[in-house]
Amino acid sequence: MERKNGLLMIGLILVVVGILGFAIPVFTTQKTEDVVRIGDLKIQSTEDTSHRIPQLLSGGVLVLGMILLGNSLYQKR
């Protein structure tokens, strides 16, 4: 019974991650670092970096999650 619940939870998580990958295919992160530091004075630079999630990866995660969900729901007792 615990194995079934574990597969169900992992499957649900993978399905949600796969759907989020399709819904939000590009996200941006920011990195702030000190450029110059003299005593208490510091100059910082913030750099934005875009990350793209491939649709094939999102689809694969979604399919894997659905397979795990199906396996956990229709498993022989």
C-alpha atoms as a PDB file:
ATOM      1  CA  MET A   1       0.000   0.000   0.000  1.00  0.00           C
ATOM      2  CA  GLU A   2       2.857   2.408   0.773  1.00  0.00           C
ATOM      3  CA  ARG A   3       4.454   1.733  -2.622  1.00  0.00           C
ATOM      4  CA  LYS A   4       1.160   2.618  -4.279  1.00  0.00           C
ATOM      5  CA  ASN A   5       0.932   5.899  -2.326  1.00  0.00           C
ATOM      6  CA  GLY A   6       4.554   6.744  -3.135  1.00  0.00           C
ATOM      7  CA  LEU A   7       4.018   6.195  -6.860  1.00  0.00           C
ATOM      8  CA  LEU A   8       0.842   8.239  -6.705  1.00  0.00           C
ATOM      9  CA  MET A   9       2.591  11.204  -5.045  1.00  0.00           C
ATOM     10  CA  ILE A  10       5.599  11.099  -7.396  1.00  0.00           C
ATOM     11  CA  GLY A  11       3.262  10.824 -10.378  1.00  0.00           C
ATOM     12  CA  LEU A  12       1.209  13.809  -9.238  1.00  0.00           C
ATOM     13  CA  ILE A  13       4.336  15.901  -8.694  1.00  0.00           C
ATOM     14  CA  LEU A  14       5.684  15.018 -12.145  1.00  0.00           C
ATOM     15  CA  VAL A  15       2.361  15.832 -13.812  1.00  0.00           C
ATOM     16  CA  VAL A  16       2.263  19.248 -12.104  1.00  0.00           C
ATOM     17  CA  VAL A  17       5.905  19.965 -13.048  1.00  0.00           C
ATOM     18  CA  GLY A  18       5.221  18.937 -16.655  1.00  0.00           C
ATOM     19  CA  ILE A  19       2.165  21.203 -16.875  1.00  0.00           C
ATOM     20  CA  LEU A  20       4.141  24.090 -15.353  1.00  0.00           C
ATOM     21  CA  GLY A  21       6.871  23.491 -17.942  1.00  0.00           C
ATOM     22  CA  PHE A  22       4.303  24.008 -20.708  1.00  0.00           C
ATOM     23  CA  ALA A  23       2.610  26.952 -18.963  1.00  0.00           C
ATOM     24  CA  ILE A  24       5.838  28.802 -18.120  1.00  0.00           C
ATOM     25  CA  PRO A  25       8.439  27.779 -20.739  1.00  0.00           C
ATOM     26  CA  VAL A  26      10.782  30.703 -20.014  1.00  0.00           C
ATOM     27  CA  PHE A  27      11.768  32.072 -16.624  1.00  0.00           C
ATOM     28  CA  THR A  28      14.325  34.656 -15.545  1.00  0.00           C
ATOM     29  CA  THR A  29      16.733  34.633 -12.620  1.00  0.00           C
ATOM     30  CA  GLN A  30      18.786  37.506 -11.266  1.00  0.00           C
ATOM     31  CA  LYS A  31      22.337  37.444  -9.998  1.00  0.00           C
ATOM     32  CA  THR A  32      23.743  40.393  -8.032  1.00  0.00           C
ATOM     33  CA  GLU A  33      27.460  40.682  -7.408  1.00  0.00           C
ATOM     34  CA  ASP A  34      29.812  43.323  -6.095  1.00  0.00           C
ATOM     35  CA  VAL A  35      31.765  45.059  -8.871  1.00  0.00           C
ATOM     36  CA  VAL A  36      33.772  47.481  -6.709  1.00  0.00           C
ATOM     37  CA  ARG A  37      34.099  47.639  -2.952  1.00  0.00           C
ATOM     38  CA  ILE A  38      36.009  50.437  -1.234  1.00  0.00           C
ATOM     39  CA  GLY A  39      35.435  50.559   2.513  1.00  0.00           C
ATOM     40  CA  ASP A  40      31.703  50.989   3.112  1.00  0.00           C
ATOM     41  CA  LEU A  41      31.087  51.979  -0.503  1.00  0.00           C
ATOM     42  CA  LYS A  42      30.171  49.211  -2.883  1.00  0.00           C
ATOM     43  CA  ILE A  43      28.932  49.173  -6.441  1.00  0.00           C
ATOM     44  CA  GLN A  44      26.814  46.221  -7.449  1.00  0.00           C
ATOM     45  CA  SER A  45      25.764  44.816 -10.787  1.00  0.00           C
ATOM     46  CA  THR A  46      22.562  42.843 -11.323  1.00  0.00           C
ATOM     47  CA  GLU A  47      22.440  40.489 -14.289  1.00  0.00           C
ATOM     48  CA  ASP A  48      19.248  38.894 -15.606  1.00  0.00           C
ATOM     49  CA  THR A  49      19.527  35.424 -17.135  1.00  0.00           C
ATOM     50  CA  SER A  50      16.712  33.774 -19.087  1.00  0.00           C
ATOM     51  CA  HIS A  51      16.254  30.012 -18.931  1.00  0.00           C
ATOM     52  CA  ARG A  52      14.173  28.077 -21.463  1.00  0.00           C
ATOM     53  CA  ILE A  53      12.560  24.732 -20.630  1.00  0.00           C
ATOM     54  CA  PRO A  54      12.447  22.533 -23.754  1.00  0.00           C
ATOM     55  CA  GLN A  55       8.942  21.378 -24.700  1.00  0.00           C
ATOM     56  CA  LEU A  56      10.238  17.848 -25.222  1.00  0.00           C
ATOM     57  CA  LEU A  57      11.436  17.756 -21.604  1.00  0.00           C
ATOM     58  CA  SER A  58       8.092  19.091 -20.311  1.00  0.00           C
ATOM     59  CA  GLY A  59       6.233  16.522 -22.396  1.00  0.00           C
ATOM     60  CA  GLY A  60       8.466  13.695 -21.204  1.00  0.00           C
ATOM     61  CA  VAL A  61       7.991  14.620 -17.557  1.00  0.00           C
ATOM     62  CA  LEU A  62       4.226  14.901 -18.062  1.00  0.00           C
ATOM     63  CA  VAL A  63       4.015  11.486 -19.775  1.00  0.00           C
ATOM     64  CA  LEU A  64       6.186   9.852 -17.110  1.00  0.00           C
ATOM     65  CA  GLY A  65       3.965  11.318 -14.394  1.00  0.00           C
ATOM     66  CA  MET A  66       0.841  10.031 -16.126  1.00  0.00           C
ATOM     67  CA  ILE A  67       2.389   6.557 -16.468  1.00  0.00           C
ATOM     68  CA  LEU A  68       3.228   6.496 -12.754  1.00  0.00           C
ATOM     69  CA  LEU A  69      -0.280   7.692 -11.869  1.00  0.00           C
ATOM     70  CA  GLY A  70      -1.842   5.050 -14.071  1.00  0.00           C
ATOM     71  CA  ASN A  71       0.410   2.360 -12.613  1.00  0.00           C
ATOM     72  CA  SER A  72      -0.418   3.334  -9.038  1.00  0.00           C
ATOM     73  CA  LEU A  73      -4.167   3.520  -9.676  1.00  0.00           C
ATOM     74  CA  TYR A  74      -4.497   0.278 -11.662  1.00  0.00           C
ATOM     75  CA  GLN A  75      -1.916  -1.833  -9.854  1.00  0.00           C
ATOM     76  CA  LYS A  76      -2.888  -5.430  -9.097  1.00  0.00           C
ATOM     77  CA  ARG A  77      -3.593  -5.970  -5.432  1.00  0.00           C
END
